């Protein structure tokens, strides 16, 4: 015997244990379970109600923390990328010898539009859409 037989055997649970198992599974919020994981939760559901409720609460908190942590990581990554872009724009403004001001993107864009195409390059037609303020 290697112990796997215990995980394959299905026996009806007493009502009280089935309810505690449901509490634990609900706390996981839809995470799929393998046979061994379900067997472990079934074993845990055999403990007294207060223990099962405490474990379920820890599971809920861990899920909430993980979700919040993921959102924070995504926001931080976006903020780092935006900061890196802003610094690149400031560097470009300095290379052109202009003050980046509060909005280095708008400052650099206005400078480049006013300057026109560089000499020796093919002229590029830029039409500014007055309503959108963008280039076409």
N, C-alpha and C. Protein backbone atom coordinates (compact mmCIF):
# COMPACT_ATOMS: atom_id res chain seq x y z
N UNK A 1 0.85 -1.20 0.00
CA UNK A 1 0.00 0.00 0.00
C UNK A 1 0.88 1.25 0.00
N UNK A 2 0.57 2.17 -0.88
CA UNK A 2 1.35 3.40 -0.94
C UNK A 2 0.58 4.60 -0.40
N UNK A 3 -0.61 4.40 0.09
CA UNK A 3 -1.39 5.48 0.66
C UNK A 3 -2.33 6.16 -0.31
N UNK A 4 -2.15 5.92 -1.63
CA UNK A 4 -3.00 6.58 -2.61
C UNK A 4 -4.42 6.02 -2.59
N UNK A 5 -4.58 4.81 -2.05
CA UNK A 5 -5.91 4.23 -1.99
C UNK A 5 -6.85 5.07 -1.14
N UNK A 6 -6.30 5.73 -0.11
CA UNK A 6 -7.13 6.56 0.75
C UNK A 6 -7.75 7.73 -0.01
N UNK A 7 -7.06 8.21 -1.04
CA UNK A 7 -7.55 9.38 -1.78
C UNK A 7 -8.56 8.98 -2.84
N UNK A 8 -8.54 7.75 -3.25
CA UNK A 8 -9.44 7.29 -4.29
C UNK A 8 -10.78 6.81 -3.72
N UNK A 9 -10.79 6.45 -2.44
CA UNK A 9 -11.98 5.92 -1.79
C UNK A 9 -12.95 7.07 -1.50
N UNK A 10 -14.21 6.88 -1.85
CA UNK A 10 -15.22 7.90 -1.59
C UNK A 10 -16.25 7.32 -0.64
N UNK A 11 -16.37 7.95 0.51
CA UNK A 11 -17.36 7.52 1.50
C UNK A 11 -18.27 8.71 1.78
N UNK A 12 -19.52 8.44 2.05
CA UNK A 12 -20.41 9.56 2.40
C UNK A 12 -19.97 10.19 3.72
N UNK A 13 -20.03 11.51 3.76
CA UNK A 13 -19.63 12.24 4.97
C UNK A 13 -20.84 12.48 5.85
N UNK A 14 -20.63 12.54 7.15
CA UNK A 14 -21.73 12.97 8.03
C UNK A 14 -22.12 14.42 7.65
N UNK A 15 -23.32 14.77 7.89
CA UNK A 15 -23.83 16.09 7.52
C UNK A 15 -22.96 17.22 8.09
N UNK A 16 -22.58 17.12 9.35
CA UNK A 16 -21.79 18.18 9.99
C UNK A 16 -20.43 18.34 9.30
N UNK A 17 -19.82 17.24 8.89
CA UNK A 17 -18.51 17.31 8.24
C UNK A 17 -18.66 17.84 6.81
N UNK A 18 -19.72 17.46 6.13
CA UNK A 18 -19.98 17.97 4.78
C UNK A 18 -20.18 19.49 4.80
N UNK A 19 -20.87 19.98 5.83
CA UNK A 19 -21.08 21.43 5.95
C UNK A 19 -19.76 22.16 6.20
N UNK A 20 -18.90 21.58 7.04
CA UNK A 20 -17.60 22.19 7.31
C UNK A 20 -16.70 22.14 6.07
N UNK A 21 -16.79 21.04 5.32
CA UNK A 21 -16.04 20.94 4.07
C UNK A 21 -16.51 22.01 3.09
N UNK A 22 -17.80 22.23 3.02
CA UNK A 22 -18.34 23.28 2.15
C UNK A 22 -17.83 24.66 2.57
N UNK A 23 -17.72 24.89 3.87
CA UNK A 23 -17.19 26.16 4.37
C UNK A 23 -15.75 26.37 3.89
N UNK A 24 -14.94 25.33 3.97
CA UNK A 24 -13.55 25.42 3.54
C UNK A 24 -13.44 25.63 2.03
N UNK A 25 -14.23 24.89 1.28
CA UNK A 25 -14.19 25.01 -0.18
C UNK A 25 -14.68 26.39 -0.62
N UNK A 26 -15.72 26.90 0.02
CA UNK A 26 -16.22 28.25 -0.28
C UNK A 26 -15.15 29.30 -0.01
N UNK A 27 -14.38 29.09 1.05
CA UNK A 27 -13.33 30.06 1.41
C UNK A 27 -12.26 30.14 0.34
N UNK A 28 -12.11 29.10 -0.47
CA UNK A 28 -11.12 29.10 -1.54
C UNK A 28 -11.56 29.91 -2.76
N UNK A 29 -12.82 30.25 -2.81
CA UNK A 29 -13.31 31.13 -3.87
C UNK A 29 -13.19 30.59 -5.28
N UNK A 30 -13.48 29.33 -5.47
CA UNK A 30 -13.50 28.78 -6.82
C UNK A 30 -12.19 28.18 -7.30
N UNK A 31 -11.19 28.10 -6.43
CA UNK A 31 -9.93 27.47 -6.82
C UNK A 31 -10.20 25.98 -7.04
N UNK A 32 -9.75 25.44 -8.15
CA UNK A 32 -9.98 24.02 -8.41
C UNK A 32 -9.07 23.17 -7.51
N UNK A 33 -9.59 22.04 -7.11
CA UNK A 33 -8.87 21.15 -6.20
C UNK A 33 -8.62 19.81 -6.84
N UNK A 34 -7.47 19.26 -6.56
CA UNK A 34 -7.17 17.89 -6.96
C UNK A 34 -7.71 16.94 -5.90
N UNK A 35 -7.60 15.65 -6.18
CA UNK A 35 -8.13 14.64 -5.27
C UNK A 35 -7.44 14.69 -3.91
N UNK A 36 -6.13 14.87 -3.92
CA UNK A 36 -5.38 14.90 -2.66
C UNK A 36 -5.71 16.16 -1.85
N UNK A 37 -5.87 17.27 -2.54
CA UNK A 37 -6.21 18.51 -1.84
C UNK A 37 -7.61 18.41 -1.23
N UNK A 38 -8.53 17.85 -1.99
CA UNK A 38 -9.89 17.67 -1.47
C UNK A 38 -9.88 16.71 -0.28
N UNK A 39 -9.07 15.67 -0.35
CA UNK A 39 -8.98 14.72 0.77
C UNK A 39 -8.42 15.41 2.02
N UNK A 40 -7.44 16.28 1.82
CA UNK A 40 -6.87 17.02 2.96
C UNK A 40 -7.92 17.95 3.58
N UNK A 41 -8.69 18.61 2.74
CA UNK A 41 -9.75 19.48 3.27
C UNK A 41 -10.83 18.67 3.97
N UNK A 42 -11.13 17.49 3.43
CA UNK A 42 -12.12 16.61 4.07
C UNK A 42 -11.62 16.20 5.45
N UNK A 43 -10.34 15.88 5.55
CA UNK A 43 -9.75 15.55 6.85
C UNK A 43 -9.84 16.74 7.80
N UNK A 44 -9.51 17.93 7.30
CA UNK A 44 -9.55 19.14 8.12
C UNK A 44 -10.99 19.44 8.57
N UNK A 45 -11.96 19.14 7.71
CA UNK A 45 -13.36 19.37 8.06
C UNK A 45 -13.83 18.49 9.20
N UNK A 46 -13.04 17.50 9.57
CA UNK A 46 -13.38 16.64 10.70
C UNK A 46 -13.08 17.26 12.05
N UNK A 47 -12.38 18.40 12.03
CA UNK A 47 -12.08 19.09 13.29
C UNK A 47 -13.30 19.86 13.78
N UNK A 48 -13.20 20.41 14.99
CA UNK A 48 -14.35 21.14 15.54
C UNK A 48 -14.64 22.40 14.72
N UNK A 49 -15.86 22.85 14.80
CA UNK A 49 -16.36 23.95 13.98
C UNK A 49 -15.51 25.21 14.10
N UNK A 50 -15.11 25.58 15.31
CA UNK A 50 -14.32 26.80 15.50
C UNK A 50 -12.99 26.73 14.74
N UNK A 51 -12.37 25.56 14.74
CA UNK A 51 -11.10 25.39 14.02
C UNK A 51 -11.32 25.54 12.51
N UNK A 52 -12.36 24.91 12.00
CA UNK A 52 -12.66 25.00 10.57
C UNK A 52 -12.96 26.45 10.18
N UNK A 53 -13.74 27.15 10.99
CA UNK A 53 -14.06 28.55 10.68
C UNK A 53 -12.82 29.44 10.72
N UNK A 54 -11.92 29.18 11.67
CA UNK A 54 -10.67 29.96 11.74
C UNK A 54 -9.80 29.72 10.50
N UNK A 55 -9.67 28.47 10.10
CA UNK A 55 -8.87 28.15 8.91
C UNK A 55 -9.52 28.77 7.67
N UNK A 56 -10.83 28.71 7.57
CA UNK A 56 -11.53 29.31 6.43
C UNK A 56 -11.31 30.82 6.39
N UNK A 57 -11.30 31.47 7.54
CA UNK A 57 -11.06 32.91 7.59
C UNK A 57 -9.64 33.25 7.13
N UNK A 58 -8.68 32.44 7.54
CA UNK A 58 -7.30 32.65 7.09
C UNK A 58 -7.22 32.51 5.57
N UNK A 59 -7.93 31.52 5.02
CA UNK A 59 -7.94 31.32 3.57
C UNK A 59 -8.53 32.54 2.85
N UNK A 60 -9.63 33.07 3.39
CA UNK A 60 -10.26 34.26 2.78
C UNK A 60 -9.32 35.45 2.83
N UNK A 61 -8.67 35.66 3.97
CA UNK A 61 -7.74 36.78 4.10
C UNK A 61 -6.56 36.63 3.14
N UNK A 62 -6.06 35.41 3.00
CA UNK A 62 -4.94 35.18 2.09
C UNK A 62 -5.35 35.48 0.66
N UNK A 63 -6.56 35.08 0.27
CA UNK A 63 -7.06 35.38 -1.08
C UNK A 63 -7.19 36.88 -1.27
N UNK A 64 -7.75 37.57 -0.29
CA UNK A 64 -7.93 39.03 -0.39
C UNK A 64 -6.58 39.72 -0.48
N UNK A 65 -5.63 39.29 0.33
CA UNK A 65 -4.30 39.89 0.31
C UNK A 65 -3.63 39.65 -1.03
N UNK A 66 -3.76 38.44 -1.55
CA UNK A 66 -3.15 38.10 -2.83
C UNK A 66 -3.73 38.96 -3.95
N UNK A 67 -5.05 39.16 -3.93
CA UNK A 67 -5.70 39.99 -4.96
C UNK A 67 -5.23 41.43 -4.85
N UNK A 68 -5.20 41.95 -3.62
CA UNK A 68 -4.76 43.34 -3.42
C UNK A 68 -3.29 43.48 -3.78
N UNK A 69 -2.50 42.48 -3.44
CA UNK A 69 -1.08 42.51 -3.74
C UNK A 69 -0.83 42.50 -5.25
N UNK A 70 -1.62 41.72 -5.98
CA UNK A 70 -1.49 41.67 -7.44
C UNK A 70 -1.83 43.02 -8.05
N UNK A 71 -2.90 43.64 -7.55
CA UNK A 71 -3.29 44.96 -8.06
C UNK A 71 -2.22 46.00 -7.76
N UNK A 72 -1.63 45.92 -6.56
CA UNK A 72 -0.57 46.85 -6.18
C UNK A 72 0.65 46.65 -7.06
N UNK A 73 1.01 45.40 -7.33
CA UNK A 73 2.17 45.13 -8.19
C UNK A 73 1.92 45.67 -9.59
N UNK A 74 0.72 45.49 -10.13
CA UNK A 74 0.41 45.99 -11.47
C UNK A 74 0.46 47.51 -11.50
N UNK A 75 -0.09 48.15 -10.47
CA UNK A 75 -0.07 49.61 -10.40
C UNK A 75 1.35 50.12 -10.27
N UNK A 76 2.16 49.45 -9.46
CA UNK A 76 3.55 49.85 -9.28
C UNK A 76 4.34 49.71 -10.58
N UNK A 77 4.10 48.64 -11.31
CA UNK A 77 4.79 48.44 -12.58
C UNK A 77 4.41 49.53 -13.57
N UNK A 78 3.13 49.88 -13.61
CA UNK A 78 2.67 50.94 -14.50
C UNK A 78 3.29 52.28 -14.09
N UNK A 79 3.34 52.55 -12.80
CA UNK A 79 3.92 53.81 -12.31
C UNK A 79 5.41 53.89 -12.65
N UNK A 80 6.11 52.77 -12.49
CA UNK A 80 7.55 52.76 -12.85
C UNK A 80 7.75 53.02 -14.33
N UNK A 81 6.92 52.41 -15.16
CA UNK A 81 7.03 52.60 -16.61
C UNK A 81 6.71 54.05 -16.99
N UNK A 82 5.67 54.62 -16.38
CA UNK A 82 5.33 56.01 -16.65
C UNK A 82 6.44 56.95 -16.20
N UNK A 83 7.04 56.65 -15.05
CA UNK A 83 8.14 57.48 -14.54
C UNK A 83 9.35 57.39 -15.46
N UNK A 84 9.63 56.17 -15.94
CA UNK A 84 10.76 55.99 -16.86
C UNK A 84 10.51 56.78 -18.16
N UNK A 85 9.29 56.74 -18.68
CA UNK A 85 8.93 57.47 -19.89
C UNK A 85 9.09 58.98 -19.68
N UNK A 86 8.61 59.47 -18.53
CA UNK A 86 8.72 60.90 -18.23
C UNK A 86 10.19 61.34 -18.18
N UNK A 87 11.04 60.52 -17.56
CA UNK A 87 12.47 60.86 -17.50
C UNK A 87 13.11 60.86 -18.88
N UNK A 88 12.68 59.95 -19.74
CA UNK A 88 13.19 59.94 -21.11
C UNK A 88 12.78 61.21 -21.84
N UNK A 89 11.55 61.64 -21.64
CA UNK A 89 11.08 62.88 -22.28
C UNK A 89 11.86 64.09 -21.76
N UNK A 90 12.12 64.12 -20.46
CA UNK A 90 12.90 65.22 -19.88
C UNK A 90 14.30 65.23 -20.47
N UNK A 91 14.90 64.06 -20.61
CA UNK A 91 16.24 63.97 -21.23
C UNK A 91 16.21 64.49 -22.67
N UNK A 92 15.17 64.12 -23.41
CA UNK A 92 15.05 64.59 -24.79
C UNK A 92 14.90 66.12 -24.84
N UNK A 93 14.11 66.66 -23.92
CA UNK A 93 13.95 68.12 -23.86
C UNK A 93 15.30 68.78 -23.58
N UNK A 94 16.04 68.24 -22.67
CA UNK A 94 17.35 68.81 -22.33
C UNK A 94 18.30 68.73 -23.52
N UNK A 95 18.24 67.62 -24.27
CA UNK A 95 19.09 67.49 -25.47
C UNK A 95 18.74 68.55 -26.51
N UNK A 96 17.47 68.93 -26.56
CA UNK A 96 17.03 69.96 -27.50
C UNK A 96 17.26 71.36 -26.93
N UNK A 97 17.67 71.44 -25.66
CA UNK A 97 17.93 72.74 -25.04
C UNK A 97 16.68 73.50 -24.66
N UNK A 98 15.61 72.78 -24.33
CA UNK A 98 14.36 73.43 -23.93
C UNK A 98 13.97 73.01 -22.52
N UNK A 99 13.23 73.88 -21.86
CA UNK A 99 12.75 73.60 -20.50
C UNK A 99 11.56 72.66 -20.60
N UNK A 100 11.61 71.48 -19.95
CA UNK A 100 10.50 70.54 -20.06
C UNK A 100 9.21 71.01 -19.41
N UNK A 101 9.30 71.91 -18.44
CA UNK A 101 8.10 72.41 -17.78
C UNK A 101 7.33 71.31 -17.06
N UNK A 102 6.06 71.53 -16.85
CA UNK A 102 5.20 70.56 -16.14
C UNK A 102 4.85 69.36 -17.00
N UNK A 103 4.74 69.57 -18.31
CA UNK A 103 4.35 68.50 -19.22
C UNK A 103 5.41 68.34 -20.30
N UNK A 104 6.44 67.52 -20.03
CA UNK A 104 7.52 67.41 -21.00
C UNK A 104 7.07 66.83 -22.34
N UNK A 105 6.03 66.01 -22.33
CA UNK A 105 5.53 65.45 -23.59
C UNK A 105 4.98 66.56 -24.47
N UNK A 106 4.11 67.39 -23.93
CA UNK A 106 3.52 68.48 -24.70
C UNK A 106 4.59 69.49 -25.12
N UNK A 107 5.53 69.79 -24.23
CA UNK A 107 6.61 70.74 -24.53
C UNK A 107 7.46 70.24 -25.69
N UNK A 108 7.87 68.98 -25.62
CA UNK A 108 8.70 68.41 -26.67
C UNK A 108 7.94 68.32 -27.99
N UNK A 109 6.69 67.93 -27.94
CA UNK A 109 5.86 67.83 -29.15
C UNK A 109 5.71 69.19 -29.80
N UNK A 110 5.40 70.21 -29.01
CA UNK A 110 5.24 71.57 -29.55
C UNK A 110 6.55 72.05 -30.17
N UNK A 111 7.65 71.78 -29.51
CA UNK A 111 8.96 72.19 -30.01
C UNK A 111 9.25 71.53 -31.36
N UNK A 112 9.00 70.22 -31.44
CA UNK A 112 9.29 69.50 -32.68
C UNK A 112 8.36 69.93 -33.81
N UNK A 113 7.10 70.19 -33.52
CA UNK A 113 6.18 70.67 -34.55
C UNK A 113 6.58 72.06 -35.04
N UNK A 114 7.00 72.92 -34.12
CA UNK A 114 7.41 74.28 -34.50
C UNK A 114 8.71 74.25 -35.31
N UNK A 115 9.58 73.31 -34.98
CA UNK A 115 10.87 73.21 -35.67
C UNK A 115 10.70 72.73 -37.09
N UNK A 116 9.73 71.89 -37.33
CA UNK A 116 9.52 71.36 -38.67
C UNK A 116 10.50 70.23 -38.96
N UNK A 117 10.45 69.71 -40.18
CA UNK A 117 11.35 68.62 -40.54
C UNK A 117 12.81 69.07 -40.49
N UNK A 118 13.68 68.17 -40.08
CA UNK A 118 15.11 68.47 -40.03
C UNK A 118 15.64 68.63 -41.44
N UNK A 119 16.64 69.49 -41.61
CA UNK A 119 17.21 69.71 -42.93
C UNK A 119 17.86 68.43 -43.43
N UNK A 120 17.76 68.21 -44.74
CA UNK A 120 18.35 67.03 -45.34
C UNK A 120 17.44 65.82 -45.29
N UNK A 121 16.34 65.86 -44.55
CA UNK A 121 15.40 64.75 -44.49
C UNK A 121 14.22 65.05 -45.39
N UNK A 122 13.55 64.01 -45.79
CA UNK A 122 12.34 64.19 -46.57
C UNK A 122 11.30 64.87 -45.70
N UNK A 123 10.60 65.81 -46.26
CA UNK A 123 9.58 66.53 -45.49
C UNK A 123 8.43 65.58 -45.15
N UNK A 124 8.03 65.63 -43.93
CA UNK A 124 6.91 64.81 -43.46
C UNK A 124 5.77 65.75 -43.14
N UNK A 125 4.65 65.50 -43.77
CA UNK A 125 3.49 66.36 -43.55
C UNK A 125 2.79 65.96 -42.26
N UNK A 126 2.64 66.91 -41.37
CA UNK A 126 1.95 66.67 -40.11
C UNK A 126 0.77 67.61 -40.04
N UNK A 127 -0.39 67.03 -39.96
CA UNK A 127 -1.60 67.84 -39.82
C UNK A 127 -2.12 67.67 -38.39
N UNK A 128 -2.33 68.77 -37.74
CA UNK A 128 -2.81 68.73 -36.37
C UNK A 128 -4.32 68.85 -36.38
N UNK A 129 -4.96 67.88 -35.77
CA UNK A 129 -6.40 67.91 -35.64
C UNK A 129 -6.73 68.85 -34.47
N UNK A 130 -7.35 69.96 -34.77
CA UNK A 130 -7.61 70.98 -33.75
C UNK A 130 -8.51 70.46 -32.63
N UNK A 131 -9.44 69.58 -32.97
CA UNK A 131 -10.34 69.08 -31.93
C UNK A 131 -9.66 68.11 -30.99
N UNK A 132 -8.84 67.22 -31.51
CA UNK A 132 -8.22 66.18 -30.72
C UNK A 132 -6.83 66.55 -30.25
N UNK A 133 -6.22 67.49 -30.91
CA UNK A 133 -4.87 67.89 -30.53
C UNK A 133 -3.83 66.83 -30.87
N UNK A 134 -4.17 65.92 -31.77
CA UNK A 134 -3.24 64.84 -32.14
C UNK A 134 -2.78 64.99 -33.57
N UNK A 135 -1.80 64.21 -33.94
CA UNK A 135 -1.27 64.24 -35.31
C UNK A 135 -1.97 63.19 -36.12
N UNK A 136 -2.15 63.50 -37.43
CA UNK A 136 -2.71 62.51 -38.36
C UNK A 136 -1.70 62.20 -39.42
